[in-house]
Amino acid sequence: MKTLIGQEQEKKKDQIAATTAWEQHTARNKSIVTELFYGQLKSKVRCDTCGHESVRFDAFNMLSLPLPLESALHVTVTVILLDGSVPVQYGVRVAAEGTVLDLKRSVAERSGLPPDNGFDVRSKGKFAIQYYA
């Protein structure tokens, strides 16, 4: 286990190495693009056999990051009753891999309409559901 002084010394060595690596990179690649869109990445590799650690500082202009995937979609649906009443919009969440049946069930639950009656789902950029009583 490293002491606090040892950790501070290692941090100082890393700062010097990082500054040196960045200065070398910018000396070869001096441009507004480098200034705006490049960064520096520290990578540390440790040998399991002997315990030796290697530290590198590399310039990068792209960094891959995992993005969370939405498991549900928010859909705005207009319910049109055939009795001539005013259409009503509902916001429902459905599984991203869901089916039209899942959408119908969500709308029925949200609107209070019986789910077993007839529905007609139409899509023109937005969803409209006609409900047959």
C-alpha atoms as a PDB file:
ATOM      1  CA  MET A   1       0.000   0.000   0.000  1.00  0.00           C
ATOM      2  CA  LYS A   2       1.382   3.375  -0.986  1.00  0.00           C
ATOM      3  CA  THR A   3       1.802   6.145   1.508  1.00  0.00           C
ATOM      4  CA  LEU A   4       0.297   9.560   0.973  1.00  0.00           C
ATOM      5  CA  ILE A   5       3.733  10.953   0.090  1.00  0.00           C
ATOM      6  CA  GLY A   6       4.275   8.126  -2.420  1.00  0.00           C
ATOM      7  CA  GLN A   7       0.905   8.828  -4.020  1.00  0.00           C
ATOM      8  CA  GLU A   8       1.704  12.538  -4.313  1.00  0.00           C
ATOM      9  CA  GLN A   9       5.093  11.767  -5.893  1.00  0.00           C
ATOM     10  CA  GLU A  10       3.457   9.409  -8.406  1.00  0.00           C
ATOM     11  CA  LYS A  11       0.809  12.027  -9.209  1.00  0.00           C
ATOM     12  CA  LYS A  12       3.528  14.631  -9.808  1.00  0.00           C
ATOM     13  CA  LYS A  13       5.427  12.223 -12.099  1.00  0.00           C
ATOM     14  CA  ASP A  14       2.196  11.583 -14.049  1.00  0.00           C
ATOM     15  CA  GLN A  15       1.581  15.323 -14.412  1.00  0.00           C
ATOM     16  CA  ILE A  16       5.089  15.841 -15.784  1.00  0.00           C
ATOM     17  CA  ALA A  17       4.753  12.878 -18.176  1.00  0.00           C
ATOM     18  CA  ALA A  18       1.314  14.076 -19.332  1.00  0.00           C
ATOM     19  CA  THR A  19       2.561  17.616 -19.951  1.00  0.00           C
ATOM     20  CA  THR A  20       5.588  16.324 -21.865  1.00  0.00           C
ATOM     21  CA  ALA A  21       3.464  13.993 -24.021  1.00  0.00           C
ATOM     22  CA  TRP A  22       0.956  16.771 -24.788  1.00  0.00           C
ATOM     23  CA  GLU A  23       3.707  19.246 -25.691  1.00  0.00           C
ATOM     24  CA  GLN A  24       5.272  16.689 -28.041  1.00  0.00           C
ATOM     25  CA  HIS A  25       1.897  16.029 -29.674  1.00  0.00           C
ATOM     26  CA  THR A  26       1.027  19.702 -30.142  1.00  0.00           C
ATOM     27  CA  ALA A  27       4.520  20.453 -31.510  1.00  0.00           C
ATOM     28  CA  ARG A  28       3.808  17.998 -34.352  1.00  0.00           C
ATOM     29  CA  ASN A  29       0.093  18.784 -34.724  1.00  0.00           C
ATOM     30  CA  LYS A  30      -0.376  22.482 -34.061  1.00  0.00           C
ATOM     31  CA  SER A  31      -3.761  23.633 -35.340  1.00  0.00           C
ATOM     32  CA  ILE A  32      -7.070  25.019 -34.194  1.00  0.00           C
ATOM     33  CA  VAL A  33      -8.551  21.536 -34.707  1.00  0.00           C
ATOM     34  CA  THR A  34      -6.081  20.052 -32.222  1.00  0.00           C
ATOM     35  CA  GLU A  35      -6.820  22.791 -29.713  1.00  0.00           C
ATOM     36  CA  LEU A  36     -10.585  22.351 -29.997  1.00  0.00           C
ATOM     37  CA  PHE A  37     -11.144  18.657 -30.626  1.00  0.00           C
ATOM     38  CA  TYR A  38      -8.237  16.685 -29.148  1.00  0.00           C
ATOM     39  CA  GLY A  39      -7.755  15.441 -25.639  1.00  0.00           C
ATOM     40  CA  GLN A  40      -5.385  13.231 -23.729  1.00  0.00           C
ATOM     41  CA  LEU A  41      -6.034   9.763 -22.365  1.00  0.00           C
ATOM     42  CA  LYS A  42      -4.025   8.097 -19.621  1.00  0.00           C
ATOM     43  CA  SER A  43      -3.693   4.326 -19.852  1.00  0.00           C
ATOM     44  CA  LYS A  44      -2.079   2.151 -17.217  1.00  0.00           C
ATOM     45  CA  VAL A  45      -1.074  -1.488 -17.759  1.00  0.00           C
ATOM     46  CA  ARG A  46       0.197  -3.718 -14.968  1.00  0.00           C
ATOM     47  CA  CYS A  47       2.022  -7.025 -15.455  1.00  0.00           C
ATOM     48  CA  ASP A  48       0.412  -9.797 -13.401  1.00  0.00           C
ATOM     49  CA  THR A  49       3.704 -11.690 -13.213  1.00  0.00           C
ATOM     50  CA  CYS A  50       6.214  -9.075 -12.066  1.00  0.00           C
ATOM     51  CA  GLY A  51       3.907  -6.213 -11.043  1.00  0.00           C
ATOM     52  CA  HIS A  52       5.586  -3.657 -13.347  1.00  0.00           C
ATOM     53  CA  GLU A  53       3.266  -0.802 -14.325  1.00  0.00           C
ATOM     54  CA  SER A  54       3.447   1.045 -17.611  1.00  0.00           C
ATOM     55  CA  VAL A  55       1.735   4.427 -17.930  1.00  0.00           C
ATOM     56  CA  ARG A  56       1.105   6.155 -21.271  1.00  0.00           C
ATOM     57  CA  PHE A  57      -0.501   9.418 -22.247  1.00  0.00           C
ATOM     58  CA  ASP A  58      -1.983   9.413 -25.749  1.00  0.00           C
ATOM     59  CA  ALA A  59      -3.775  12.108 -27.704  1.00  0.00           C
ATOM     60  CA  PHE A  60      -7.232  11.280 -29.027  1.00  0.00           C
ATOM     61  CA  ASN A  61      -9.893  12.952 -31.137  1.00  0.00           C
ATOM     62  CA  MET A  62     -12.596  10.306 -30.701  1.00  0.00           C
ATOM     63  CA  LEU A  63     -13.619   8.392 -27.633  1.00  0.00           C
ATOM     64  CA  SER A  64     -16.108   5.534 -27.752  1.00  0.00           C
ATOM     65  CA  LEU A  65     -18.594   5.601 -24.912  1.00  0.00           C
ATOM     66  CA  PRO A  66     -21.468   3.216 -24.311  1.00  0.00           C
ATOM     67  CA  LEU A  67     -24.865   4.856 -24.653  1.00  0.00           C
ATOM     68  CA  PRO A  68     -27.824   3.615 -22.675  1.00  0.00           C
ATOM     69  CA  LEU A  69     -30.503   2.110 -24.866  1.00  0.00           C
ATOM     70  CA  GLU A  70     -34.084   3.085 -24.277  1.00  0.00           C
ATOM     71  CA  SER A  71     -36.121   0.024 -23.466  1.00  0.00           C
ATOM     72  CA  ALA A  72     -39.397   1.908 -23.891  1.00  0.00           C
ATOM     73  CA  LEU A  73     -40.783   4.500 -26.289  1.00  0.00           C
ATOM     74  CA  HIS A  74     -43.097   7.376 -25.482  1.00  0.00           C
ATOM     75  CA  VAL A  75     -45.867   7.527 -28.075  1.00  0.00           C
ATOM     76  CA  THR A  76     -48.589  10.153 -28.439  1.00  0.00           C
ATOM     77  CA  VAL A  77     -51.829   8.559 -29.588  1.00  0.00           C
ATOM     78  CA  THR A  78     -55.078  10.208 -30.666  1.00  0.00           C
ATOM     79  CA  VAL A  79     -58.168   8.165 -29.774  1.00  0.00           C
ATOM     80  CA  ILE A  80     -61.112   8.799 -32.083  1.00  0.00           C
ATOM     81  CA  LEU A  81     -64.430   7.400 -30.891  1.00  0.00           C
ATOM     82  CA  LEU A  82     -66.928   6.632 -33.637  1.00  0.00           C
ATOM     83  CA  ASP A  83     -69.748   8.262 -31.658  1.00  0.00           C
ATOM     84  CA  GLY A  84     -68.580  11.662 -32.933  1.00  0.00           C
ATOM     85  CA  SER A  85     -67.130  12.930 -29.651  1.00  0.00           C
ATOM     86  CA  VAL A  86     -63.984  15.048 -29.595  1.00  0.00           C
ATOM     87  CA  PRO A  87     -60.760  13.058 -30.225  1.00  0.00           C
ATOM     88  CA  VAL A  88     -58.507  12.730 -27.162  1.00  0.00           C
ATOM     89  CA  GLN A  89     -54.710  12.470 -27.113  1.00  0.00           C
ATOM     90  CA  TYR A  90     -52.894  10.156 -24.711  1.00  0.00           C
ATOM     91  CA  GLY A  91     -49.212   9.710 -24.027  1.00  0.00           C
ATOM     92  CA  VAL A  92     -48.291   6.071 -23.474  1.00  0.00           C
ATOM     93  CA  ARG A  93     -45.060   4.156 -22.973  1.00  0.00           C
ATOM     94  CA  VAL A  94     -44.575   0.945 -24.893  1.00  0.00           C
ATOM     95  CA  ALA A  95     -41.650  -1.459 -25.123  1.00  0.00           C
ATOM     96  CA  ALA A  96     -39.201  -0.526 -27.883  1.00  0.00           C
ATOM     97  CA  GLU A  97     -39.570  -4.059 -29.239  1.00  0.00           C
ATOM     98  CA  GLY A  98     -43.334  -4.064 -28.627  1.00  0.00           C
ATOM     99  CA  THR A  99     -46.140  -4.840 -31.041  1.00  0.00           C
ATOM    100  CA  VAL A 100     -49.271  -2.997 -32.147  1.00  0.00           C
ATOM    101  CA  LEU A 101     -51.166  -5.174 -29.671  1.00  0.00           C
ATOM    102  CA  ASP A 102     -48.967  -3.809 -26.858  1.00  0.00           C
ATOM    103  CA  LEU A 103     -49.772  -0.287 -28.035  1.00  0.00           C
ATOM    104  CA  LYS A 104     -53.506  -1.053 -28.073  1.00  0.00           C
ATOM    105  CA  ARG A 105     -53.365  -2.474 -24.539  1.00  0.00           C
ATOM    106  CA  SER A 106     -51.500   0.579 -23.241  1.00  0.00           C
ATOM    107  CA  VAL A 107     -54.027   2.943 -24.809  1.00  0.00           C
ATOM    108  CA  ALA A 108     -56.964   0.926 -23.467  1.00  0.00           C
ATOM    109  CA  GLU A 109     -55.471   1.002 -19.969  1.00  0.00           C
ATOM    110  CA  ARG A 110     -54.767   4.742 -20.138  1.00  0.00           C
ATOM    111  CA  SER A 111     -58.120   5.709 -21.649  1.00  0.00           C
ATOM    112  CA  GLY A 112     -60.298   3.360 -19.623  1.00  0.00           C
ATOM    113  CA  LEU A 113     -61.799   1.847 -22.764  1.00  0.00           C
ATOM    114  CA  PRO A 114     -62.325  -1.923 -22.881  1.00  0.00           C
ATOM    115  CA  PRO A 115     -59.260  -3.514 -24.510  1.00  0.00           C
ATOM    116  CA  ASP A 116     -61.214  -6.328 -26.149  1.00  0.00           C
ATOM    117  CA  ASN A 117     -63.296  -4.053 -28.399  1.00  0.00           C
ATOM    118  CA  GLY A 118     -62.146  -3.231 -31.912  1.00  0.00           C
ATOM    119  CA  PHE A 119     -59.309  -0.830 -32.576  1.00  0.00           C
ATOM    120  CA  ASP A 120     -57.963   0.482 -35.842  1.00  0.00           C
ATOM    121  CA  VAL A 121     -54.418   1.829 -35.629  1.00  0.00           C
ATOM    122  CA  ARG A 122     -53.215   4.240 -38.301  1.00  0.00           C
ATOM    123  CA  SER A 123     -49.908   6.019 -38.546  1.00  0.00           C
ATOM    124  CA  LYS A 124     -49.065   9.157 -40.513  1.00  0.00           C
ATOM    125  CA  GLY A 125     -46.120  10.398 -38.504  1.00  0.00           C
ATOM    126  CA  LYS A 126     -48.387  10.168 -35.450  1.00  0.00           C
ATOM    127  CA  PHE A 127     -50.649   7.400 -34.259  1.00  0.00           C
ATOM    128  CA  ALA A 128     -54.427   7.622 -34.424  1.00  0.00           C
ATOM    129  CA  ILE A 129     -56.599   4.893 -32.962  1.00  0.00           C
ATOM    130  CA  GLN A 130     -60.232   4.508 -33.879  1.00  0.00           C
ATOM    131  CA  TYR A 131     -62.264   2.713 -31.241  1.00  0.00           C
ATOM    132  CA  TYR A 132     -65.307   0.643 -32.133  1.00  0.00           C
ATOM    133  CA  ALA A 133     -67.737   0.462 -29.219  1.00  0.00           C
END
